[in-house]
Amino acid sequence: MASYQRLFAAAAGIVQFNWTDNSGNTFANADDNAILVVYCPELTQSVYTKTGPERNAATAELNVSNFIGKTVQTWLSFISADGSTYATSIFTGEVIVA
C-alpha cells in the first residue's frame, strides 16, 4: 500500500491527499485509480470517489464543501484500472475542513 505523506484541508472545502507512488511493488501499478473517502461523524455523511487520479499522480483533491467547519475522518485506497483488484484502505487521519 502506498504510504501517505500528508493530508490537509485547503481553502474552499477541499481535502487534499498526498501519497508516495509505490508503483511496481507487488500488485501496485501506476495506472491504479485512487479511492478517496471523507466521512463526517457529526453529520453521519460521507463523500468519496472510486475514480480518483492514478497512483502515479501521488496527489488528489476531494470537494467536501458541505463539511466546512467540521472535523472529518479520511481514508485512501486504490483500485486496479480494470476494477478487478482493490488495495487495503488506510486511515489517513482527521482534519477540520476549512
PDB file of N, CA and C in Angstrom:
ATOM      1  N   MET A   1       0.852  -1.190   0.000  1.00  0.00           N
ATOM      2  CA  MET A   1       0.000   0.000   0.000  1.00  0.00           C
ATOM      3  C   MET A   1       0.883   1.234   0.000  1.00  0.00           C
ATOM      4  N   ALA A   2       0.526   2.201  -0.766  1.00  0.00           N
ATOM      5  CA  ALA A   2       1.257   3.465  -0.791  1.00  0.00           C
ATOM      6  C   ALA A   2       1.113   4.147   0.558  1.00  0.00           C
ATOM      7  N   SER A   3       2.174   4.725   1.028  1.00  0.00           N
ATOM      8  CA  SER A   3       2.071   5.459   2.281  1.00  0.00           C
ATOM      9  C   SER A   3       1.669   6.895   1.976  1.00  0.00           C
ATOM     10  N   TYR A   4       0.898   7.476   2.876  1.00  0.00           N
ATOM     11  CA  TYR A   4       0.521   8.858   2.641  1.00  0.00           C
ATOM     12  C   TYR A   4       1.553   9.748   3.289  1.00  0.00           C
ATOM     13  N   GLN A   5       1.813  10.872   2.665  1.00  0.00           N
ATOM     14  CA  GLN A   5       2.817  11.800   3.159  1.00  0.00           C
ATOM     15  C   GLN A   5       2.198  12.842   4.071  1.00  0.00           C
ATOM     16  N   ARG A   6       1.122  13.402   3.647  1.00  0.00           N
ATOM     17  CA  ARG A   6       0.423  14.361   4.495  1.00  0.00           C
ATOM     18  C   ARG A   6      -0.969  14.555   3.937  1.00  0.00           C
ATOM     19  N   LEU A   7      -1.820  15.008   4.767  1.00  0.00           N
ATOM     20  CA  LEU A   7      -3.198  15.227   4.399  1.00  0.00           C
ATOM     21  C   LEU A   7      -3.584  16.547   5.024  1.00  0.00           C
ATOM     22  N   PHE A   8      -4.227  17.390   4.272  1.00  0.00           N
ATOM     23  CA  PHE A   8      -4.646  18.647   4.868  1.00  0.00           C
ATOM     24  C   PHE A   8      -5.869  19.194   4.159  1.00  0.00           C
ATOM     25  N   ALA A   9      -6.588  20.022   4.868  1.00  0.00           N
ATOM     26  CA  ALA A   9      -7.746  20.686   4.278  1.00  0.00           C
ATOM     27  C   ALA A   9      -7.282  22.018   3.717  1.00  0.00           C
ATOM     28  N   ALA A  10      -7.620  22.264   2.503  1.00  0.00           N
ATOM     29  CA  ALA A  10      -7.269  23.529   1.877  1.00  0.00           C
ATOM     30  C   ALA A  10      -8.494  24.432   1.895  1.00  0.00           C
ATOM     31  N   ALA A  11      -8.339  25.617   1.382  1.00  0.00           N
ATOM     32  CA  ALA A  11      -9.447  26.570   1.334  1.00  0.00           C
ATOM     33  C   ALA A  11     -10.581  26.035   0.468  1.00  0.00           C
ATOM     34  N   ALA A  12     -11.743  26.566   0.682  1.00  0.00           N
ATOM     35  CA  ALA A  12     -12.924  26.303  -0.144  1.00  0.00           C
ATOM     36  C   ALA A  12     -13.437  24.864  -0.051  1.00  0.00           C
ATOM     37  N   GLY A  13     -13.252  24.225   1.103  1.00  0.00           N
ATOM     38  CA  GLY A  13     -13.853  22.918   1.321  1.00  0.00           C
ATOM     39  C   GLY A  13     -13.211  21.773   0.570  1.00  0.00           C
ATOM     40  N   ILE A  14     -11.932  21.856   0.339  1.00  0.00           N
ATOM     41  CA  ILE A  14     -11.206  20.811  -0.374  1.00  0.00           C
ATOM     42  C   ILE A  14     -10.313  20.056   0.611  1.00  0.00           C
ATOM     43  N   VAL A  15     -10.360  18.721   0.573  1.00  0.00           N
ATOM     44  CA  VAL A  15      -9.398  17.909   1.313  1.00  0.00           C
ATOM     45  C   VAL A  15      -8.406  17.376   0.289  1.00  0.00           C
ATOM     46  N   GLN A  16      -7.137  17.590   0.557  1.00  0.00           N
ATOM     47  CA  GLN A  16      -6.094  17.134  -0.353  1.00  0.00           C
ATOM     48  C   GLN A  16      -5.393  15.933   0.249  1.00  0.00           C
ATOM     49  N   PHE A  17      -5.215  14.905  -0.569  1.00  0.00           N
ATOM     50  CA  PHE A  17      -4.497  13.700  -0.191  1.00  0.00           C
ATOM     51  C   PHE A  17      -3.171  13.683  -0.943  1.00  0.00           C
ATOM     52  N   ASN A  18      -2.097  13.284  -0.276  1.00  0.00           N
ATOM     53  CA  ASN A  18      -0.789  13.115  -0.909  1.00  0.00           C
ATOM     54  C   ASN A  18      -0.248  11.759  -0.483  1.00  0.00           C
ATOM     55  N   TRP A  19       0.352  11.033  -1.404  1.00  0.00           N
ATOM     56  CA  TRP A  19       0.893   9.722  -1.085  1.00  0.00           C
ATOM     57  C   TRP A  19       2.174   9.485  -1.871  1.00  0.00           C
ATOM     58  N   THR A  20       2.890   8.454  -1.468  1.00  0.00           N
ATOM     59  CA  THR A  20       4.099   8.045  -2.165  1.00  0.00           C
ATOM     60  C   THR A  20       3.713   7.045  -3.246  1.00  0.00           C
ATOM     61  N   ASP A  21       4.103   7.303  -4.464  1.00  0.00           N
ATOM     62  CA  ASP A  21       3.828   6.387  -5.569  1.00  0.00           C
ATOM     63  C   ASP A  21       4.708   5.148  -5.403  1.00  0.00           C
ATOM     64  N   ASN A  22       4.092   4.019  -5.122  1.00  0.00           N
ATOM     65  CA  ASN A  22       4.851   2.782  -4.949  1.00  0.00           C
ATOM     66  C   ASN A  22       4.605   1.814  -6.110  1.00  0.00           C
ATOM     67  N   SER A  23       4.370   2.365  -7.282  1.00  0.00           N
ATOM     68  CA  SER A  23       4.156   1.543  -8.478  1.00  0.00           C
ATOM     69  C   SER A  23       5.299   0.555  -8.643  1.00  0.00           C
ATOM     70  N   GLY A  24       4.954  -0.671  -9.016  1.00  0.00           N
ATOM     71  CA  GLY A  24       5.965  -1.698  -9.222  1.00  0.00           C
ATOM     72  C   GLY A  24       6.164  -2.599  -8.022  1.00  0.00           C
ATOM     73  N   ASN A  25       5.680  -2.179  -6.855  1.00  0.00           N
ATOM     74  CA  ASN A  25       5.767  -3.028  -5.665  1.00  0.00           C
ATOM     75  C   ASN A  25       4.579  -3.970  -5.641  1.00  0.00           C
ATOM     76  N   THR A  26       4.833  -5.238  -5.564  1.00  0.00           N
ATOM     77  CA  THR A  26       3.809  -6.276  -5.504  1.00  0.00           C
ATOM     78  C   THR A  26       2.775  -6.057  -6.611  1.00  0.00           C
ATOM     79  N   PHE A  27       1.537  -5.684  -6.261  1.00  0.00           N
ATOM     80  CA  PHE A  27       0.474  -5.515  -7.245  1.00  0.00           C
ATOM     81  C   PHE A  27       0.185  -4.051  -7.559  1.00  0.00           C
ATOM     82  N   ALA A  28       1.015  -3.142  -7.104  1.00  0.00           N
ATOM     83  CA  ALA A  28       0.787  -1.705  -7.315  1.00  0.00           C
ATOM     84  C   ALA A  28       1.202  -1.304  -8.727  1.00  0.00           C
ATOM     85  N   ASN A  29       0.238  -0.740  -9.463  1.00  0.00           N
ATOM     86  CA  ASN A  29       0.502  -0.286 -10.826  1.00  0.00           C
ATOM     87  C   ASN A  29       0.291   1.215 -10.942  1.00  0.00           C
ATOM     88  N   ALA A  30       1.045   1.840 -11.809  1.00  0.00           N
ATOM     89  CA  ALA A  30       0.970   3.291 -11.981  1.00  0.00           C
ATOM     90  C   ALA A  30      -0.423   3.758 -12.385  1.00  0.00           C
ATOM     91  N   ASP A  31      -1.174   2.897 -13.108  1.00  0.00           N
ATOM     92  CA  ASP A  31      -2.494   3.310 -13.581  1.00  0.00           C
ATOM     93  C   ASP A  31      -3.647   2.910 -12.659  1.00  0.00           C
ATOM     94  N   ASP A  32      -3.347   2.424 -11.450  1.00  0.00           N
ATOM     95  CA  ASP A  32      -4.397   2.187 -10.454  1.00  0.00           C
ATOM     96  C   ASP A  32      -5.051   3.519 -10.119  1.00  0.00           C
ATOM     97  N   ASN A  33      -6.353   3.512  -9.885  1.00  0.00           N
ATOM     98  CA  ASN A  33      -7.051   4.744  -9.517  1.00  0.00           C
ATOM     99  C   ASN A  33      -7.181   4.875  -8.007  1.00  0.00           C
ATOM    100  N   ALA A  34      -7.018   6.081  -7.514  1.00  0.00           N
ATOM    101  CA  ALA A  34      -7.156   6.348  -6.086  1.00  0.00           C
ATOM    102  C   ALA A  34      -8.631   6.300  -5.689  1.00  0.00           C
ATOM    103  N   ILE A  35      -8.871   5.732  -4.528  1.00  0.00           N
ATOM    104  CA  ILE A  35     -10.190   5.772  -3.894  1.00  0.00           C
ATOM    105  C   ILE A  35     -10.039   6.692  -2.694  1.00  0.00           C
ATOM    106  N   LEU A  36     -10.764   7.783  -2.686  1.00  0.00           N
ATOM    107  CA  LEU A  36     -10.684   8.781  -1.622  1.00  0.00           C
ATOM    108  C   LEU A  36     -11.995   8.764  -0.849  1.00  0.00           C
ATOM    109  N   VAL A  37     -11.896   8.745   0.476  1.00  0.00           N
ATOM    110  CA  VAL A  37     -13.096   8.733   1.309  1.00  0.00           C
ATOM    111  C   VAL A  37     -12.952   9.776   2.404  1.00  0.00           C
ATOM    112  N   VAL A  38     -13.978  10.595   2.571  1.00  0.00           N
ATOM    113  CA  VAL A  38     -14.047  11.564   3.666  1.00  0.00           C
ATOM    114  C   VAL A  38     -15.384  11.350   4.364  1.00  0.00           C
ATOM    115  N   TYR A  39     -15.319  11.111   5.672  1.00  0.00           N
ATOM    116  CA  TYR A  39     -16.529  10.849   6.462  1.00  0.00           C
ATOM    117  C   TYR A  39     -16.654  11.895   7.561  1.00  0.00           C
ATOM    118  N   CYS A  40     -17.839  12.463   7.707  1.00  0.00           N
ATOM    119  CA  CYS A  40     -18.126  13.451   8.742  1.00  0.00           C
ATOM    120  C   CYS A  40     -19.002  12.785   9.808  1.00  0.00           C
ATOM    121  N   PRO A  41     -18.423  12.416  10.958  1.00  0.00           N
ATOM    122  CA  PRO A  41     -19.209  11.756  12.006  1.00  0.00           C
ATOM    123  C   PRO A  41     -20.371  12.607  12.512  1.00  0.00           C
ATOM    124  N   GLU A  42     -20.158  13.911  12.600  1.00  0.00           N
ATOM    125  CA  GLU A  42     -21.207  14.794  13.121  1.00  0.00           C
ATOM    126  C   GLU A  42     -22.469  14.745  12.261  1.00  0.00           C
ATOM    127  N   LEU A  43     -22.297  14.664  10.959  1.00  0.00           N
ATOM    128  CA  LEU A  43     -23.430  14.650  10.036  1.00  0.00           C
ATOM    129  C   LEU A  43     -23.801  13.233   9.577  1.00  0.00           C
ATOM    130  N   THR A  44     -22.986  12.255   9.982  1.00  0.00           N
ATOM    131  CA  THR A  44     -23.106  10.855   9.520  1.00  0.00           C
ATOM    132  C   THR A  44     -23.258  10.780   8.004  1.00  0.00           C
ATOM    133  N   GLN A  45     -22.387  11.533   7.307  1.00  0.00           N
ATOM    134  CA  GLN A  45     -22.379  11.553   5.843  1.00  0.00           C
ATOM    135  C   GLN A  45     -20.951  11.365   5.341  1.00  0.00           C
ATOM    136  N   SER A  46     -20.841  10.840   4.145  1.00  0.00           N
ATOM    137  CA  SER A  46     -19.519  10.683   3.542  1.00  0.00           C
ATOM    138  C   SER A  46     -19.528  11.192   2.106  1.00  0.00           C
ATOM    139  N   VAL A  47     -18.344  11.513   1.638  1.00  0.00           N
ATOM    140  CA  VAL A  47     -18.104  11.869   0.245  1.00  0.00           C
ATOM    141  C   VAL A  47     -16.941  10.988  -0.188  1.00  0.00           C
ATOM    142  N   TYR A  48     -17.049  10.390  -1.359  1.00  0.00           N
ATOM    143  CA  TYR A  48     -15.975   9.521  -1.827  1.00  0.00           C
ATOM    144  C   TYR A  48     -15.948   9.485  -3.347  1.00  0.00           C
ATOM    145  N   THR A  49     -14.837   8.988  -3.858  1.00  0.00           N
ATOM    146  CA  THR A  49     -14.725   8.716  -5.279  1.00  0.00           C
ATOM    147  C   THR A  49     -13.907   7.447  -5.457  1.00  0.00           C
ATOM    148  N   LYS A  50     -14.327   6.623  -6.414  1.00  0.00           N
ATOM    149  CA  LYS A  50     -13.564   5.436  -6.792  1.00  0.00           C
ATOM    150  C   LYS A  50     -12.823   5.674  -8.103  1.00  0.00           C
ATOM    151  N   THR A  51     -12.936   6.880  -8.610  1.00  0.00           N
ATOM    152  CA  THR A  51     -12.293   7.214  -9.878  1.00  0.00           C
ATOM    153  C   THR A  51     -11.370   8.414  -9.713  1.00  0.00           C
ATOM    154  N   GLY A  52     -10.592   8.384  -8.645  1.00  0.00           N
ATOM    155  CA  GLY A  52      -9.619   9.443  -8.421  1.00  0.00           C
ATOM    156  C   GLY A  52      -8.480   9.330  -9.419  1.00  0.00           C
ATOM    157  N   PRO A  53      -7.492  10.182  -9.280  1.00  0.00           N
ATOM    158  CA  PRO A  53      -6.358  10.156 -10.209  1.00  0.00           C
ATOM    159  C   PRO A  53      -5.564   8.853 -10.069  1.00  0.00           C
ATOM    160  N   GLU A  54      -4.706   8.618 -11.018  1.00  0.00           N
ATOM    161  CA  GLU A  54      -3.888   7.420 -10.996  1.00  0.00           C
ATOM    162  C   GLU A  54      -2.865   7.473  -9.866  1.00  0.00           C
ATOM    163  N   ARG A  55      -2.437   6.288  -9.448  1.00  0.00           N
ATOM    164  CA  ARG A  55      -1.471   6.151  -8.351  1.00  0.00           C
ATOM    165  C   ARG A  55      -0.233   7.014  -8.588  1.00  0.00           C
ATOM    166  N   ASN A  56       0.255   7.052  -9.820  1.00  0.00           N
ATOM    167  CA  ASN A  56       1.493   7.790 -10.085  1.00  0.00           C
ATOM    168  C   ASN A  56       1.328   9.305  -9.996  1.00  0.00           C
ATOM    169  N   ALA A  57       0.106   9.821  -9.868  1.00  0.00           N
ATOM    170  CA  ALA A  57      -0.102  11.260  -9.663  1.00  0.00           C
ATOM    171  C   ALA A  57       0.363  11.682  -8.277  1.00  0.00           C
ATOM    172  N   ALA A  58       0.230  10.780  -7.303  1.00  0.00           N
ATOM    173  CA  ALA A  58       0.678  10.982  -5.923  1.00  0.00           C
ATOM    174  C   ALA A  58      -0.037  12.108  -5.181  1.00  0.00           C
ATOM    175  N   THR A  59      -1.130  12.611  -5.732  1.00  0.00           N
ATOM    176  CA  THR A  59      -1.909  13.637  -5.054  1.00  0.00           C
ATOM    177  C   THR A  59      -3.328  13.660  -5.626  1.00  0.00           C
ATOM    178  N   ALA A  60      -4.264  14.083  -4.797  1.00  0.00           N
ATOM    179  CA  ALA A  60      -5.653  14.190  -5.244  1.00  0.00           C
ATOM    180  C   ALA A  60      -6.397  15.140  -4.323  1.00  0.00           C
ATOM    181  N   GLU A  61      -7.466  15.702  -4.840  1.00  0.00           N
ATOM    182  CA  GLU A  61      -8.323  16.591  -4.051  1.00  0.00           C
ATOM    183  C   GLU A  61      -9.756  16.083  -4.117  1.00  0.00           C
ATOM    184  N   LEU A  62     -10.458  16.261  -3.019  1.00  0.00           N
ATOM    185  CA  LEU A  62     -11.862  15.883  -2.958  1.00  0.00           C
ATOM    186  C   LEU A  62     -12.647  17.063  -2.410  1.00  0.00           C
ATOM    187  N   ASN A  63     -13.669  17.473  -3.134  1.00  0.00           N
ATOM    188  CA  ASN A  63     -14.507  18.594  -2.709  1.00  0.00           C
ATOM    189  C   ASN A  63     -15.482  18.113  -1.643  1.00  0.00           C
ATOM    190  N   VAL A  64     -15.371  18.678  -0.468  1.00  0.00           N
ATOM    191  CA  VAL A  64     -16.252  18.332   0.655  1.00  0.00           C
ATOM    192  C   VAL A  64     -16.808  19.609   1.272  1.00  0.00           C
ATOM    193  N   SER A  65     -17.231  20.534   0.425  1.00  0.00           N
ATOM    194  CA  SER A  65     -17.676  21.850   0.888  1.00  0.00           C
ATOM    195  C   SER A  65     -18.869  21.769   1.842  1.00  0.00           C
ATOM    196  N   ASN A  66     -19.630  20.696   1.786  1.00  0.00           N
ATOM    197  CA  ASN A  66     -20.749  20.542   2.729  1.00  0.00           C
ATOM    198  C   ASN A  66     -20.272  20.225   4.141  1.00  0.00           C
ATOM    199  N   PHE A  67     -18.961  19.990   4.309  1.00  0.00           N
ATOM    200  CA  PHE A  67     -18.397  19.692   5.629  1.00  0.00           C
ATOM    201  C   PHE A  67     -17.557  20.848   6.188  1.00  0.00           C
ATOM    202  N   ILE A  68     -17.643  22.035   5.605  1.00  0.00           N
ATOM    203  CA  ILE A  68     -16.836  23.170   6.072  1.00  0.00           C
ATOM    204  C   ILE A  68     -17.093  23.413   7.551  1.00  0.00           C
ATOM    205  N   GLY A  69     -15.986  23.534   8.306  1.00  0.00           N
ATOM    206  CA  GLY A  69     -16.053  23.771   9.743  1.00  0.00           C
ATOM    207  C   GLY A  69     -16.190  22.508  10.569  1.00  0.00           C
ATOM    208  N   LYS A  70     -16.295  21.371   9.924  1.00  0.00           N
ATOM    209  CA  LYS A  70     -16.481  20.099  10.624  1.00  0.00           C
ATOM    210  C   LYS A  70     -15.184  19.297  10.642  1.00  0.00           C
ATOM    211  N   THR A  71     -15.029  18.454  11.645  1.00  0.00           N
ATOM    212  CA  THR A  71     -13.932  17.506  11.699  1.00  0.00           C
ATOM    213  C   THR A  71     -14.351  16.272  10.915  1.00  0.00           C
ATOM    214  N   VAL A  72     -13.482  15.835  10.014  1.00  0.00           N
ATOM    215  CA  VAL A  72     -13.773  14.671   9.190  1.00  0.00           C
ATOM    216  C   VAL A  72     -12.672  13.628   9.341  1.00  0.00           C
ATOM    217  N   GLN A  73     -13.016  12.396   9.039  1.00  0.00           N
ATOM    218  CA  GLN A  73     -12.066  11.288   9.014  1.00  0.00           C
ATOM    219  C   GLN A  73     -11.833  10.916   7.554  1.00  0.00           C
ATOM    220  N   THR A  74     -10.613  10.470   7.233  1.00  0.00           N
ATOM    221  CA  THR A  74     -10.270  10.235   5.841  1.00  0.00           C
ATOM    222  C   THR A  74      -9.596   8.882   5.633  1.00  0.00           C
ATOM    223  N   TRP A  75      -9.817   8.316   4.444  1.00  0.00           N
ATOM    224  CA  TRP A  75      -9.204   7.053   4.053  1.00  0.00           C
ATOM    225  C   TRP A  75      -8.735   7.143   2.617  1.00  0.00           C
ATOM    226  N   LEU A  76      -7.743   6.321   2.292  1.00  0.00           N
ATOM    227  CA  LEU A  76      -7.188   6.247   0.949  1.00  0.00           C
ATOM    228  C   LEU A  76      -7.011   4.777   0.582  1.00  0.00           C
ATOM    229  N   SER A  77      -7.351   4.442  -0.643  1.00  0.00           N
ATOM    230  CA  SER A  77      -7.115   3.101  -1.177  1.00  0.00           C
ATOM    231  C   SER A  77      -6.906   3.235  -2.675  1.00  0.00           C
ATOM    232  N   PHE A  78      -6.728   2.105  -3.350  1.00  0.00           N
ATOM    233  CA  PHE A  78      -6.556   2.096  -4.793  1.00  0.00           C
ATOM    234  C   PHE A  78      -7.317   0.929  -5.400  1.00  0.00           C
ATOM    235  N   ILE A  79      -7.749   1.112  -6.640  1.00  0.00           N
ATOM    236  CA  ILE A  79      -8.420   0.083  -7.409  1.00  0.00           C
ATOM    237  C   ILE A  79      -7.681  -0.058  -8.736  1.00  0.00           C
ATOM    238  N   SER A  80      -7.516  -1.297  -9.181  1.00  0.00           N
ATOM    239  CA  SER A  80      -6.820  -1.515 -10.453  1.00  0.00           C
ATOM    240  C   SER A  80      -7.602  -0.879 -11.601  1.00  0.00           C
ATOM    241  N   ALA A  81      -6.917  -0.582 -12.677  1.00  0.00           N
ATOM    242  CA  ALA A  81      -7.531   0.085 -13.832  1.00  0.00           C
ATOM    243  C   ALA A  81      -8.713  -0.705 -14.382  1.00  0.00           C
ATOM    244  N   ASP A  82      -8.657  -2.029 -14.299  1.00  0.00           N
ATOM    245  CA  ASP A  82      -9.764  -2.837 -14.806  1.00  0.00           C
ATOM    246  C   ASP A  82     -10.845  -3.089 -13.754  1.00  0.00           C
ATOM    247  N   GLY A  83     -10.645  -2.546 -12.543  1.00  0.00           N
ATOM    248  CA  GLY A  83     -11.648  -2.666 -11.484  1.00  0.00           C
ATOM    249  C   GLY A  83     -11.703  -4.010 -10.795  1.00  0.00           C
ATOM    250  N   SER A  84     -10.747  -4.880 -11.057  1.00  0.00           N
ATOM    251  CA  SER A  84     -10.809  -6.232 -10.504  1.00  0.00           C
ATOM    252  C   SER A  84     -10.115  -6.396  -9.155  1.00  0.00           C
ATOM    253  N   THR A  85      -9.226  -5.478  -8.792  1.00  0.00           N
ATOM    254  CA  THR A  85      -8.436  -5.634  -7.576  1.00  0.00           C
ATOM    255  C   THR A  85      -8.438  -4.338  -6.771  1.00  0.00           C
ATOM    256  N   TYR A  86      -8.673  -4.480  -5.467  1.00  0.00           N
ATOM    257  CA  TYR A  86      -8.641  -3.340  -4.550  1.00  0.00           C
ATOM    258  C   TYR A  86      -7.495  -3.500  -3.572  1.00  0.00           C
ATOM    259  N   ALA A  87      -6.859  -2.402  -3.223  1.00  0.00           N
ATOM    260  CA  ALA A  87      -5.861  -2.409  -2.153  1.00  0.00           C
ATOM    261  C   ALA A  87      -6.576  -2.246  -0.822  1.00  0.00           C
ATOM    262  N   THR A  88      -5.952  -2.684   0.241  1.00  0.00           N
ATOM    263  CA  THR A  88      -6.480  -2.450   1.577  1.00  0.00           C
ATOM    264  C   THR A  88      -6.452  -0.953   1.840  1.00  0.00           C
ATOM    265  N   SER A  89      -7.540  -0.435   2.378  1.00  0.00           N
ATOM    266  CA  SER A  89      -7.584   1.008   2.647  1.00  0.00           C
ATOM    267  C   SER A  89      -6.711   1.345   3.839  1.00  0.00           C
ATOM    268  N   ILE A  90      -6.304   2.600   3.891  1.00  0.00           N
ATOM    269  CA  ILE A  90      -5.506   3.095   5.010  1.00  0.00           C
ATOM    270  C   ILE A  90      -6.179   4.346   5.562  1.00  0.00           C
ATOM    271  N   PHE A  91      -6.302   4.387   6.895  1.00  0.00           N
ATOM    272  CA  PHE A  91      -6.841   5.571   7.552  1.00  0.00           C
ATOM    273  C   PHE A  91      -5.794   6.659   7.482  1.00  0.00           C
ATOM    274  N   THR A  92      -6.159   7.797   6.906  1.00  0.00           N
ATOM    275  CA  THR A  92      -5.186   8.880   6.708  1.00  0.00           C
ATOM    276  C   THR A  92      -5.371  10.047   7.668  1.00  0.00           C
ATOM    277  N   GLY A  93      -6.229   9.866   8.655  1.00  0.00           N
ATOM    278  CA  GLY A  93      -6.319  10.851   9.711  1.00  0.00           C
ATOM    279  C   GLY A  93      -7.580  11.680   9.736  1.00  0.00           C
ATOM    280  N   GLU A  94      -7.604  12.589  10.699  1.00  0.00           N
ATOM    281  CA  GLU A  94      -8.702  13.534  10.858  1.00  0.00           C
ATOM    282  C   GLU A  94      -8.215  14.926  10.522  1.00  0.00           C
ATOM    283  N   VAL A  95      -9.124  15.729  10.025  1.00  0.00           N
ATOM    284  CA  VAL A  95      -8.791  17.107   9.672  1.00  0.00           C
ATOM    285  C   VAL A  95     -10.063  17.934   9.788  1.00  0.00           C
ATOM    286  N   ILE A  96      -9.903  19.204  10.093  1.00  0.00           N
ATOM    287  CA  ILE A  96     -11.036  20.132  10.099  1.00  0.00           C
ATOM    288  C   ILE A  96     -11.093  20.773   8.721  1.00  0.00           C
ATOM    289  N   VAL A  97     -12.230  20.675   8.083  1.00  0.00           N
ATOM    290  CA  VAL A  97     -12.390  21.218   6.733  1.00  0.00           C
ATOM    291  C   VAL A  97     -12.501  22.736   6.821  1.00  0.00           C
ATOM    292  N   ALA A  98     -11.622  23.411   6.118  1.00  0.00           N
ATOM    293  CA  ALA A  98     -11.598  24.882   6.134  1.00  0.00           C
ATOM    294  C   ALA A  98     -12.543  25.446   5.108  1.00  0.00           C
TER     295      ALA A  98
END
